[in-house]
Amino acid sequence: MFKTSHDVVVKDAAAGIVEACFATLQQIDRDGDVILPGAIPHGSAVVISAFGHKTWEGAPPVGTGTIREVGSEAIVSAEFMMDTAHGRDAFNTVRELARRKLGEWSFSLQ
C-alpha cells in the first residue's frame, strides 16, 4: 500500500528535523482506499526511507520518525541522519521540494 500527501515543514534544518502530513484520515484516496482513525497507532516509531522505499531492497534508512494523529491527519515527526551522506542528501531534497511546494511523502506497510 502506498499513499502520498503534501504538507512538509522543516522544524530544524541543522538537526534535520521535519514534520509532514503523510495521510488524511477518512478520505477516499485515488486508489479508493480509506485510512480510519486509530489505524496507525499513536507514537509508532518508523524508519524513514529514501525515495522509492528502498529500505525494502536493503538500502540504509535516511532517518527515523514518530507518528501521531492530529485531527484528520496522520503526521510524522522525522529526524534525518545528518551524520551520514545519504541522510543529509535526503533531508536536502525534502527541504528543497518543500520550499518549492512540491514535496510529497508516501508510506508503505510491511
PDB file of N, CA and C in Angstrom:
ATOM      1  N   MET A   1       0.849  -1.167   0.000  1.00  0.00           N
ATOM      2  CA  MET A   1       0.000   0.000   0.000  1.00  0.00           C
ATOM      3  C   MET A   1       0.896   1.231   0.000  1.00  0.00           C
ATOM      4  N   PHE A   2       0.692   2.135  -0.919  1.00  0.00           N
ATOM      5  CA  PHE A   2       1.443   3.374  -0.983  1.00  0.00           C
ATOM      6  C   PHE A   2       0.460   4.536  -0.981  1.00  0.00           C
ATOM      7  N   LYS A   3       0.757   5.550  -0.198  1.00  0.00           N
ATOM      8  CA  LYS A   3      -0.077   6.746  -0.114  1.00  0.00           C
ATOM      9  C   LYS A   3       0.834   7.956  -0.237  1.00  0.00           C
ATOM     10  N   THR A   4       0.322   9.049  -0.749  1.00  0.00           N
ATOM     11  CA  THR A   4       1.104  10.271  -0.806  1.00  0.00           C
ATOM     12  C   THR A   4       0.297  11.429  -0.249  1.00  0.00           C
ATOM     13  N   SER A   5       1.018  12.421   0.266  1.00  0.00           N
ATOM     14  CA  SER A   5       0.389  13.628   0.773  1.00  0.00           C
ATOM     15  C   SER A   5       1.411  14.754   0.745  1.00  0.00           C
ATOM     16  N   HIS A   6       0.933  15.968   0.892  1.00  0.00           N
ATOM     17  CA  HIS A   6       1.801  17.136   0.906  1.00  0.00           C
ATOM     18  C   HIS A   6       1.976  17.620   2.343  1.00  0.00           C
ATOM     19  N   ASP A   7       2.348  18.857   2.514  1.00  0.00           N
ATOM     20  CA  ASP A   7       2.476  19.497   3.815  1.00  0.00           C
ATOM     21  C   ASP A   7       3.707  19.016   4.580  1.00  0.00           C
ATOM     22  N   VAL A   8       4.849  19.541   4.204  1.00  0.00           N
ATOM     23  CA  VAL A   8       6.119  19.245   4.860  1.00  0.00           C
ATOM     24  C   VAL A   8       6.634  20.548   5.464  1.00  0.00           C
ATOM     25  N   VAL A   9       7.004  20.501   6.755  1.00  0.00           N
ATOM     26  CA  VAL A   9       7.521  21.680   7.438  1.00  0.00           C
ATOM     27  C   VAL A   9       8.887  21.337   8.024  1.00  0.00           C
ATOM     28  N   VAL A  10       9.898  22.126   7.677  1.00  0.00           N
ATOM     29  CA  VAL A  10      11.221  21.959   8.263  1.00  0.00           C
ATOM     30  C   VAL A  10      11.204  22.638   9.622  1.00  0.00           C
ATOM     31  N   LYS A  11      11.413  21.865  10.679  1.00  0.00           N
ATOM     32  CA  LYS A  11      11.398  22.389  12.044  1.00  0.00           C
ATOM     33  C   LYS A  11      12.781  22.846  12.489  1.00  0.00           C
ATOM     34  N   ASP A  12      13.833  22.110  12.084  1.00  0.00           N
ATOM     35  CA  ASP A  12      15.210  22.431  12.473  1.00  0.00           C
ATOM     36  C   ASP A  12      16.131  21.893  11.387  1.00  0.00           C
ATOM     37  N   ALA A  13      16.583  22.786  10.502  1.00  0.00           N
ATOM     38  CA  ALA A  13      17.403  22.363   9.368  1.00  0.00           C
ATOM     39  C   ALA A  13      18.742  21.780   9.812  1.00  0.00           C
ATOM     40  N   ALA A  14      19.374  22.374  10.807  1.00  0.00           N
ATOM     41  CA  ALA A  14      20.684  21.884  11.250  1.00  0.00           C
ATOM     42  C   ALA A  14      20.596  20.464  11.806  1.00  0.00           C
ATOM     43  N   ALA A  15      19.500  20.147  12.481  1.00  0.00           N
ATOM     44  CA  ALA A  15      19.313  18.820  13.064  1.00  0.00           C
ATOM     45  C   ALA A  15      18.590  17.866  12.114  1.00  0.00           C
ATOM     46  N   GLY A  16      18.097  18.369  10.982  1.00  0.00           N
ATOM     47  CA  GLY A  16      17.406  17.521  10.018  1.00  0.00           C
ATOM     48  C   GLY A  16      16.026  17.086  10.477  1.00  0.00           C
ATOM     49  N   ILE A  17      15.319  17.962  11.184  1.00  0.00           N
ATOM     50  CA  ILE A  17      14.008  17.612  11.740  1.00  0.00           C
ATOM     51  C   ILE A  17      12.900  18.248  10.904  1.00  0.00           C
ATOM     52  N   VAL A  18      11.957  17.414  10.493  1.00  0.00           N
ATOM     53  CA  VAL A  18      10.803  17.881   9.725  1.00  0.00           C
ATOM     54  C   VAL A  18       9.533  17.253  10.279  1.00  0.00           C
ATOM     55  N   GLU A  19       8.419  17.887   9.978  1.00  0.00           N
ATOM     56  CA  GLU A  19       7.102  17.306  10.223  1.00  0.00           C
ATOM     57  C   GLU A  19       6.388  17.247   8.889  1.00  0.00           C
ATOM     58  N   ALA A  20       5.675  16.163   8.669  1.00  0.00           N
ATOM     59  CA  ALA A  20       4.961  16.005   7.403  1.00  0.00           C
ATOM     60  C   ALA A  20       3.640  15.301   7.631  1.00  0.00           C
ATOM     61  N   CYS A  21       2.631  15.793   6.954  1.00  0.00           N
ATOM     62  CA  CYS A  21       1.365  15.076   6.888  1.00  0.00           C
ATOM     63  C   CYS A  21       1.526  14.062   5.757  1.00  0.00           C
ATOM     64  N   PHE A  22       1.373  12.795   6.089  1.00  0.00           N
ATOM     65  CA  PHE A  22       1.535  11.774   5.059  1.00  0.00           C
ATOM     66  C   PHE A  22       0.231  11.073   4.711  1.00  0.00           C
ATOM     67  N   ALA A  23      -0.839  11.399   5.416  1.00  0.00           N
ATOM     68  CA  ALA A  23      -2.134  10.798   5.091  1.00  0.00           C
ATOM     69  C   ALA A  23      -3.252  11.631   5.700  1.00  0.00           C
ATOM     70  N   THR A  24      -4.374  11.676   4.999  1.00  0.00           N
ATOM     71  CA  THR A  24      -5.589  12.289   5.522  1.00  0.00           C
ATOM     72  C   THR A  24      -6.556  11.166   5.851  1.00  0.00           C
ATOM     73  N   LEU A  25      -7.017  11.158   7.094  1.00  0.00           N
ATOM     74  CA  LEU A  25      -7.884  10.087   7.569  1.00  0.00           C
ATOM     75  C   LEU A  25      -9.310  10.264   7.056  1.00  0.00           C
ATOM     76  N   GLN A  26     -10.003   9.168   6.896  1.00  0.00           N
ATOM     77  CA  GLN A  26     -11.403   9.130   6.480  1.00  0.00           C
ATOM     78  C   GLN A  26     -11.656   9.832   5.153  1.00  0.00           C
ATOM     79  N   GLN A  27     -10.680   9.787   4.274  1.00  0.00           N
ATOM     80  CA  GLN A  27     -10.832  10.383   2.951  1.00  0.00           C
ATOM     81  C   GLN A  27     -10.471   9.319   1.918  1.00  0.00           C
ATOM     82  N   ILE A  28     -11.311   9.168   0.908  1.00  0.00           N
ATOM     83  CA  ILE A  28     -11.029   8.198  -0.143  1.00  0.00           C
ATOM     84  C   ILE A  28      -9.886   8.742  -0.997  1.00  0.00           C
ATOM     85  N   ASP A  29      -8.814   7.937  -1.130  1.00  0.00           N
ATOM     86  CA  ASP A  29      -7.685   8.382  -1.947  1.00  0.00           C
ATOM     87  C   ASP A  29      -7.864   7.936  -3.390  1.00  0.00           C
ATOM     88  N   ARG A  30      -6.893   8.245  -4.233  1.00  0.00           N
ATOM     89  CA  ARG A  30      -7.036   7.950  -5.667  1.00  0.00           C
ATOM     90  C   ARG A  30      -7.042   6.452  -5.966  1.00  0.00           C
ATOM     91  N   ASP A  31      -6.641   5.624  -4.995  1.00  0.00           N
ATOM     92  CA  ASP A  31      -6.712   4.171  -5.157  1.00  0.00           C
ATOM     93  C   ASP A  31      -7.998   3.597  -4.579  1.00  0.00           C
ATOM     94  N   GLY A  32      -8.853   4.471  -4.024  1.00  0.00           N
ATOM     95  CA  GLY A  32     -10.101   4.021  -3.440  1.00  0.00           C
ATOM     96  C   GLY A  32      -9.974   3.519  -2.008  1.00  0.00           C
ATOM     97  N   ASP A  33      -8.812   3.744  -1.383  1.00  0.00           N
ATOM     98  CA  ASP A  33      -8.575   3.310  -0.011  1.00  0.00           C
ATOM     99  C   ASP A  33      -8.945   4.411   0.977  1.00  0.00           C
ATOM    100  N   VAL A  34      -9.284   3.998   2.199  1.00  0.00           N
ATOM    101  CA  VAL A  34      -9.599   4.920   3.283  1.00  0.00           C
ATOM    102  C   VAL A  34      -8.824   4.469   4.517  1.00  0.00           C
ATOM    103  N   ILE A  35      -8.168   5.408   5.178  1.00  0.00           N
ATOM    104  CA  ILE A  35      -7.471   5.117   6.430  1.00  0.00           C
ATOM    105  C   ILE A  35      -8.350   5.624   7.565  1.00  0.00           C
ATOM    106  N   LEU A  36      -8.705   4.737   8.456  1.00  0.00           N
ATOM    107  CA  LEU A  36      -9.588   5.094   9.561  1.00  0.00           C
ATOM    108  C   LEU A  36      -8.795   5.619  10.748  1.00  0.00           C
ATOM    109  N   PRO A  37      -9.393   6.510  11.545  1.00  0.00           N
ATOM    110  CA  PRO A  37      -8.733   6.978  12.764  1.00  0.00           C
ATOM    111  C   PRO A  37      -8.353   5.777  13.638  1.00  0.00           C
ATOM    112  N   GLY A  38      -7.155   5.825  14.186  1.00  0.00           N
ATOM    113  CA  GLY A  38      -6.665   4.753  15.039  1.00  0.00           C
ATOM    114  C   GLY A  38      -5.992   3.619  14.295  1.00  0.00           C
ATOM    115  N   ALA A  39      -6.045   3.632  12.963  1.00  0.00           N
ATOM    116  CA  ALA A  39      -5.422   2.556  12.182  1.00  0.00           C
ATOM    117  C   ALA A  39      -3.903   2.554  12.320  1.00  0.00           C
ATOM    118  N   ILE A  40      -3.328   3.708  12.562  1.00  0.00           N
ATOM    119  CA  ILE A  40      -1.882   3.827  12.762  1.00  0.00           C
ATOM    120  C   ILE A  40      -1.677   4.174  14.229  1.00  0.00           C
ATOM    121  N   PRO A  41      -1.132   3.267  15.015  1.00  0.00           N
ATOM    122  CA  PRO A  41      -1.017   3.513  16.456  1.00  0.00           C
ATOM    123  C   PRO A  41      -0.216   4.783  16.779  1.00  0.00           C
ATOM    124  N   HIS A  42      -0.777   5.606  17.664  1.00  0.00           N
ATOM    125  CA  HIS A  42      -0.133   6.846  18.109  1.00  0.00           C
ATOM    126  C   HIS A  42       1.236   6.524  18.708  1.00  0.00           C
ATOM    127  N   GLY A  43       2.228   7.277  18.314  1.00  0.00           N
ATOM    128  CA  GLY A  43       3.575   7.095  18.858  1.00  0.00           C
ATOM    129  C   GLY A  43       4.389   6.008  18.184  1.00  0.00           C
ATOM    130  N   SER A  44       3.868   5.441  17.092  1.00  0.00           N
ATOM    131  CA  SER A  44       4.607   4.401  16.385  1.00  0.00           C
ATOM    132  C   SER A  44       5.944   4.939  15.894  1.00  0.00           C
ATOM    133  N   ALA A  45       6.996   4.191  16.160  1.00  0.00           N
ATOM    134  CA  ALA A  45       8.324   4.524  15.643  1.00  0.00           C
ATOM    135  C   ALA A  45       8.448   3.941  14.243  1.00  0.00           C
ATOM    136  N   VAL A  46       8.988   4.741  13.329  1.00  0.00           N
ATOM    137  CA  VAL A  46       9.123   4.308  11.939  1.00  0.00           C
ATOM    138  C   VAL A  46      10.518   4.606  11.412  1.00  0.00           C
ATOM    139  N   VAL A  47      10.888   3.862  10.396  1.00  0.00           N
ATOM    140  CA  VAL A  47      12.131   4.086   9.664  1.00  0.00           C
ATOM    141  C   VAL A  47      11.790   4.939   8.450  1.00  0.00           C
ATOM    142  N   ILE A  48      12.587   5.958   8.195  1.00  0.00           N
ATOM    143  CA  ILE A  48      12.389   6.812   7.033  1.00  0.00           C
ATOM    144  C   ILE A  48      13.305   6.305   5.929  1.00  0.00           C
ATOM    145  N   SER A  49      12.713   6.035   4.792  1.00  0.00           N
ATOM    146  CA  SER A  49      13.443   5.530   3.635  1.00  0.00           C
ATOM    147  C   SER A  49      13.628   6.665   2.634  1.00  0.00           C
ATOM    148  N   ALA A  50      14.622   6.533   1.787  1.00  0.00           N
ATOM    149  CA  ALA A  50      14.784   7.484   0.692  1.00  0.00           C
ATOM    150  C   ALA A  50      13.655   7.272  -0.312  1.00  0.00           C
ATOM    151  N   PHE A  51      13.576   8.114  -1.300  1.00  0.00           N
ATOM    152  CA  PHE A  51      12.538   8.000  -2.323  1.00  0.00           C
ATOM    153  C   PHE A  51      12.497   6.583  -2.873  1.00  0.00           C
ATOM    154  N   GLY A  52      11.299   6.075  -3.075  1.00  0.00           N
ATOM    155  CA  GLY A  52      11.124   4.754  -3.651  1.00  0.00           C
ATOM    156  C   GLY A  52      11.103   3.622  -2.653  1.00  0.00           C
ATOM    157  N   HIS A  53      11.083   3.946  -1.353  1.00  0.00           N
ATOM    158  CA  HIS A  53      11.010   2.903  -0.316  1.00  0.00           C
ATOM    159  C   HIS A  53      12.136   1.893  -0.467  1.00  0.00           C
ATOM    160  N   LYS A  54      13.339   2.361  -0.696  1.00  0.00           N
ATOM    161  CA  LYS A  54      14.465   1.480  -0.998  1.00  0.00           C
ATOM    162  C   LYS A  54      14.972   0.687   0.197  1.00  0.00           C
ATOM    163  N   THR A  55      14.548   1.017   1.428  1.00  0.00           N
ATOM    164  CA  THR A  55      14.986   0.189   2.558  1.00  0.00           C
ATOM    165  C   THR A  55      14.448  -1.226   2.422  1.00  0.00           C
ATOM    166  N   TRP A  56      13.326  -1.386   1.726  1.00  0.00           N
ATOM    167  CA  TRP A  56      12.786  -2.729   1.496  1.00  0.00           C
ATOM    168  C   TRP A  56      13.735  -3.562   0.650  1.00  0.00           C
ATOM    169  N   GLU A  57      14.586  -2.871  -0.122  1.00  0.00           N
ATOM    170  CA  GLU A  57      15.527  -3.566  -1.001  1.00  0.00           C
ATOM    171  C   GLU A  57      16.933  -3.598  -0.411  1.00  0.00           C
ATOM    172  N   GLY A  58      17.062  -3.218   0.862  1.00  0.00           N
ATOM    173  CA  GLY A  58      18.355  -3.285   1.528  1.00  0.00           C
ATOM    174  C   GLY A  58      19.121  -1.980   1.632  1.00  0.00           C
ATOM    175  N   ALA A  59      18.594  -0.901   1.081  1.00  0.00           N
ATOM    176  CA  ALA A  59      19.265   0.401   1.199  1.00  0.00           C
ATOM    177  C   ALA A  59      19.173   0.871   2.653  1.00  0.00           C
ATOM    178  N   PRO A  60      20.183   1.596   3.123  1.00  0.00           N
ATOM    179  CA  PRO A  60      20.128   2.076   4.507  1.00  0.00           C
ATOM    180  C   PRO A  60      19.043   3.134   4.680  1.00  0.00           C
ATOM    181  N   PRO A  61      18.441   3.207   5.861  1.00  0.00           N
ATOM    182  CA  PRO A  61      17.457   4.259   6.112  1.00  0.00           C
ATOM    183  C   PRO A  61      18.130   5.620   6.125  1.00  0.00           C
ATOM    184  N   VAL A  62      17.321   6.668   5.911  1.00  0.00           N
ATOM    185  CA  VAL A  62      17.838   8.033   5.925  1.00  0.00           C
ATOM    186  C   VAL A  62      17.434   8.771   7.192  1.00  0.00           C
ATOM    187  N   GLY A  63      16.576   8.156   8.007  1.00  0.00           N
ATOM    188  CA  GLY A  63      16.140   8.785   9.247  1.00  0.00           C
ATOM    189  C   GLY A  63      15.151   7.909   9.986  1.00  0.00           C
ATOM    190  N   THR A  64      14.638   8.471  11.064  1.00  0.00           N
ATOM    191  CA  THR A  64      13.620   7.795  11.867  1.00  0.00           C
ATOM    192  C   THR A  64      12.529   8.798  12.190  1.00  0.00           C
ATOM    193  N   GLY A  65      11.391   8.298  12.625  1.00  0.00           N
ATOM    194  CA  GLY A  65      10.301   9.200  12.943  1.00  0.00           C
ATOM    195  C   GLY A  65       9.325   8.597  13.927  1.00  0.00           C
ATOM    196  N   THR A  66       8.398   9.439  14.356  1.00  0.00           N
ATOM    197  CA  THR A  66       7.317   9.050  15.245  1.00  0.00           C
ATOM    198  C   THR A  66       6.022   9.573  14.654  1.00  0.00           C
ATOM    199  N   ILE A  67       4.987   8.729  14.688  1.00  0.00           N
ATOM    200  CA  ILE A  67       3.706   9.066  14.073  1.00  0.00           C
ATOM    201  C   ILE A  67       2.669   9.421  15.131  1.00  0.00           C
ATOM    202  N   ARG A  68       1.814  10.391  14.782  1.00  0.00           N
ATOM    203  CA  ARG A  68       0.676  10.731  15.630  1.00  0.00           C
ATOM    204  C   ARG A  68      -0.458  11.217  14.734  1.00  0.00           C
ATOM    205  N   GLU A  69      -1.669  11.130  15.242  1.00  0.00           N
ATOM    206  CA  GLU A  69      -2.827  11.679  14.548  1.00  0.00           C
ATOM    207  C   GLU A  69      -3.138  13.048  15.132  1.00  0.00           C
ATOM    208  N   VAL A  70      -3.399  13.996  14.258  1.00  0.00           N
ATOM    209  CA  VAL A  70      -3.813  15.334  14.669  1.00  0.00           C
ATOM    210  C   VAL A  70      -5.047  15.672  13.846  1.00  0.00           C
ATOM    211  N   GLY A  71      -6.188  15.649  14.496  1.00  0.00           N
ATOM    212  CA  GLY A  71      -7.433  15.863  13.762  1.00  0.00           C
ATOM    213  C   GLY A  71      -7.609  14.781  12.719  1.00  0.00           C
ATOM    214  N   SER A  72      -7.723  15.184  11.479  1.00  0.00           N
ATOM    215  CA  SER A  72      -7.930  14.226  10.391  1.00  0.00           C
ATOM    216  C   SER A  72      -6.639  13.875   9.654  1.00  0.00           C
ATOM    217  N   GLU A  73      -5.497  14.224  10.235  1.00  0.00           N
ATOM    218  CA  GLU A  73      -4.218  13.972   9.557  1.00  0.00           C
ATOM    219  C   GLU A  73      -3.331  13.013  10.337  1.00  0.00           C
ATOM    220  N   ALA A  74      -2.586  12.214   9.590  1.00  0.00           N
ATOM    221  CA  ALA A  74      -1.521  11.406  10.158  1.00  0.00           C
ATOM    222  C   ALA A  74      -0.220  12.171   9.914  1.00  0.00           C
ATOM    223  N   ILE A  75       0.498  12.463  11.000  1.00  0.00           N
ATOM    224  CA  ILE A  75       1.685  13.310  10.968  1.00  0.00           C
ATOM    225  C   ILE A  75       2.896  12.486  11.399  1.00  0.00           C
ATOM    226  N   VAL A  76       3.998  12.666  10.699  1.00  0.00           N
ATOM    227  CA  VAL A  76       5.255  12.076  11.137  1.00  0.00           C
ATOM    228  C   VAL A  76       6.188  13.205  11.554  1.00  0.00           C
ATOM    229  N   SER A  77       6.793  13.049  12.720  1.00  0.00           N
ATOM    230  CA  SER A  77       7.896  13.909  13.146  1.00  0.00           C
ATOM    231  C   SER A  77       9.147  13.115  12.831  1.00  0.00           C
ATOM    232  N   ALA A  78       9.925  13.601  11.877  1.00  0.00           N
ATOM    233  CA  ALA A  78      11.061  12.842  11.356  1.00  0.00           C
ATOM    234  C   ALA A  78      12.379  13.533  11.660  1.00  0.00           C
ATOM    235  N   GLU A  79      13.380  12.719  11.926  1.00  0.00           N
ATOM    236  CA  GLU A  79      14.739  13.217  12.123  1.00  0.00           C
ATOM    237  C   GLU A  79      15.654  12.478  11.163  1.00  0.00           C
ATOM    238  N   PHE A  80      16.201  13.227  10.226  1.00  0.00           N
ATOM    239  CA  PHE A  80      17.115  12.640   9.254  1.00  0.00           C
ATOM    240  C   PHE A  80      18.477  12.401   9.898  1.00  0.00           C
ATOM    241  N   MET A  81      19.174  11.406   9.419  1.00  0.00           N
ATOM    242  CA  MET A  81      20.501  11.044   9.930  1.00  0.00           C
ATOM    243  C   MET A  81      21.535  11.961   9.279  1.00  0.00           C
ATOM    244  N   MET A  82      21.689  13.140   9.870  1.00  0.00           N
ATOM    245  CA  MET A  82      22.539  14.176   9.290  1.00  0.00           C
ATOM    246  C   MET A  82      24.025  13.852   9.382  1.00  0.00           C
ATOM    247  N   ASP A  83      24.382  12.837  10.152  1.00  0.00           N
ATOM    248  CA  ASP A  83      25.788  12.442  10.237  1.00  0.00           C
ATOM    249  C   ASP A  83      26.157  11.439   9.153  1.00  0.00           C
ATOM    250  N   THR A  84      25.225  11.155   8.231  1.00  0.00           N
ATOM    251  CA  THR A  84      25.504  10.288   7.085  1.00  0.00           C
ATOM    252  C   THR A  84      25.231  11.059   5.801  1.00  0.00           C
ATOM    253  N   ALA A  85      25.972  10.727   4.750  1.00  0.00           N
ATOM    254  CA  ALA A  85      25.778  11.409   3.468  1.00  0.00           C
ATOM    255  C   ALA A  85      24.378  11.163   2.917  1.00  0.00           C
ATOM    256  N   HIS A  86      23.893   9.916   3.014  1.00  0.00           N
ATOM    257  CA  HIS A  86      22.572   9.629   2.450  1.00  0.00           C
ATOM    258  C   HIS A  86      21.466  10.317   3.256  1.00  0.00           C
ATOM    259  N   GLY A  87      21.642  10.469   4.564  1.00  0.00           N
ATOM    260  CA  GLY A  87      20.666  11.195   5.378  1.00  0.00           C
ATOM    261  C   GLY A  87      20.639  12.670   5.054  1.00  0.00           C
ATOM    262  N   ARG A  88      21.821  13.278   4.930  1.00  0.00           N
ATOM    263  CA  ARG A  88      21.902  14.703   4.566  1.00  0.00           C
ATOM    264  C   ARG A  88      21.319  14.947   3.180  1.00  0.00           C
ATOM    265  N   ASP A  89      21.679  14.085   2.224  1.00  0.00           N
ATOM    266  CA  ASP A  89      21.169  14.250   0.862  1.00  0.00           C
ATOM    267  C   ASP A  89      19.645  14.151   0.825  1.00  0.00           C
ATOM    268  N   ALA A  90      19.093  13.183   1.545  1.00  0.00           N
ATOM    269  CA  ALA A  90      17.641  13.016   1.578  1.00  0.00           C
ATOM    270  C   ALA A  90      16.979  14.227   2.236  1.00  0.00           C
ATOM    271  N   PHE A  91      17.536  14.713   3.342  1.00  0.00           N
ATOM    272  CA  PHE A  91      16.986  15.897   4.002  1.00  0.00           C
ATOM    273  C   PHE A  91      17.017  17.102   3.062  1.00  0.00           C
ATOM    274  N   ASN A  92      18.145  17.321   2.395  1.00  0.00           N
ATOM    275  CA  ASN A  92      18.262  18.463   1.495  1.00  0.00           C
ATOM    276  C   ASN A  92      17.242  18.382   0.363  1.00  0.00           C
ATOM    277  N   THR A  93      16.994  17.188  -0.147  1.00  0.00           N
ATOM    278  CA  THR A  93      15.988  17.010  -1.192  1.00  0.00           C
ATOM    279  C   THR A  93      14.597  17.324  -0.655  1.00  0.00           C
ATOM    280  N   VAL A  94      14.270  16.793   0.513  1.00  0.00           N
ATOM    281  CA  VAL A  94      12.962  17.051   1.129  1.00  0.00           C
ATOM    282  C   VAL A  94      12.784  18.549   1.387  1.00  0.00           C
ATOM    283  N   ARG A  95      13.820  19.183   1.930  1.00  0.00           N
ATOM    284  CA  ARG A  95      13.741  20.620   2.229  1.00  0.00           C
ATOM    285  C   ARG A  95      13.505  21.437   0.964  1.00  0.00           C
ATOM    286  N   GLU A  96      14.228  21.138  -0.100  1.00  0.00           N
ATOM    287  CA  GLU A  96      14.087  21.910  -1.335  1.00  0.00           C
ATOM    288  C   GLU A  96      12.746  21.665  -2.011  1.00  0.00           C
ATOM    289  N   LEU A  97      12.255  20.438  -1.981  1.00  0.00           N
ATOM    290  CA  LEU A  97      10.933  20.173  -2.537  1.00  0.00           C
ATOM    291  C   LEU A  97       9.851  20.883  -1.729  1.00  0.00           C
ATOM    292  N   ALA A  98       9.991  20.894  -0.415  1.00  0.00           N
ATOM    293  CA  ALA A  98       9.019  21.592   0.440  1.00  0.00           C
ATOM    294  C   ALA A  98       9.042  23.092   0.157  1.00  0.00           C
ATOM    295  N   ARG A  99      10.232  23.642  -0.009  1.00  0.00           N
ATOM    296  CA  ARG A  99      10.364  25.077  -0.300  1.00  0.00           C
ATOM    297  C   ARG A  99       9.640  25.452  -1.593  1.00  0.00           C
ATOM    298  N   ARG A 100       9.656  24.543  -2.535  1.00  0.00           N
ATOM    299  CA  ARG A 100       9.004  24.778  -3.823  1.00  0.00           C
ATOM    300  C   ARG A 100       7.540  24.319  -3.830  1.00  0.00           C
ATOM    301  N   LYS A 101       7.047  23.881  -2.662  1.00  0.00           N
ATOM    302  CA  LYS A 101       5.672  23.378  -2.525  1.00  0.00           C
ATOM    303  C   LYS A 101       5.420  22.162  -3.423  1.00  0.00           C
ATOM    304  N   LEU A 102       6.466  21.364  -3.644  1.00  0.00           N
ATOM    305  CA  LEU A 102       6.357  20.173  -4.471  1.00  0.00           C
ATOM    306  C   LEU A 102       6.617  18.895  -3.679  1.00  0.00           C
ATOM    307  N   GLY A 103       6.903  19.035  -2.404  1.00  0.00           N
ATOM    308  CA  GLY A 103       7.233  17.862  -1.601  1.00  0.00           C
ATOM    309  C   GLY A 103       6.041  16.952  -1.396  1.00  0.00           C
ATOM    310  N   GLU A 104       6.286  15.672  -1.462  1.00  0.00           N
ATOM    311  CA  GLU A 104       5.285  14.669  -1.158  1.00  0.00           C
ATOM    312  C   GLU A 104       5.915  13.624  -0.264  1.00  0.00           C
ATOM    313  N   TRP A 105       5.104  13.063   0.592  1.00  0.00           N
ATOM    314  CA  TRP A 105       5.531  11.937   1.415  1.00  0.00           C
ATOM    315  C   TRP A 105       4.638  10.766   1.058  1.00  0.00           C
ATOM    316  N   SER A 106       5.188   9.617   1.115  1.00  0.00           N
ATOM    317  CA  SER A 106       4.378   8.429   0.942  1.00  0.00           C
ATOM    318  C   SER A 106       4.743   7.462   2.050  1.00  0.00           C
ATOM    319  N   PHE A 107       3.878   6.493   2.264  1.00  0.00           N
ATOM    320  CA  PHE A 107       4.217   5.473   3.242  1.00  0.00           C
ATOM    321  C   PHE A 107       3.804   4.127   2.703  1.00  0.00           C
ATOM    322  N   SER A 108       4.423   3.130   3.248  1.00  0.00           N
ATOM    323  CA  SER A 108       4.090   1.779   2.853  1.00  0.00           C
ATOM    324  C   SER A 108       4.041   0.924   4.117  1.00  0.00           C
ATOM    325  N   LEU A 109       3.310  -0.135   4.022  1.00  0.00           N
ATOM    326  CA  LEU A 109       3.162  -1.046   5.152  1.00  0.00           C
ATOM    327  C   LEU A 109       3.816  -2.369   4.807  1.00  0.00           C
ATOM    328  N   GLN A 110       4.552  -2.899   5.741  1.00  0.00           N
ATOM    329  CA  GLN A 110       5.169  -4.202   5.519  1.00  0.00           C
ATOM    330  C   GLN A 110       4.323  -5.267   6.122  1.00  0.00           C
TER     331      GLN A 110
END
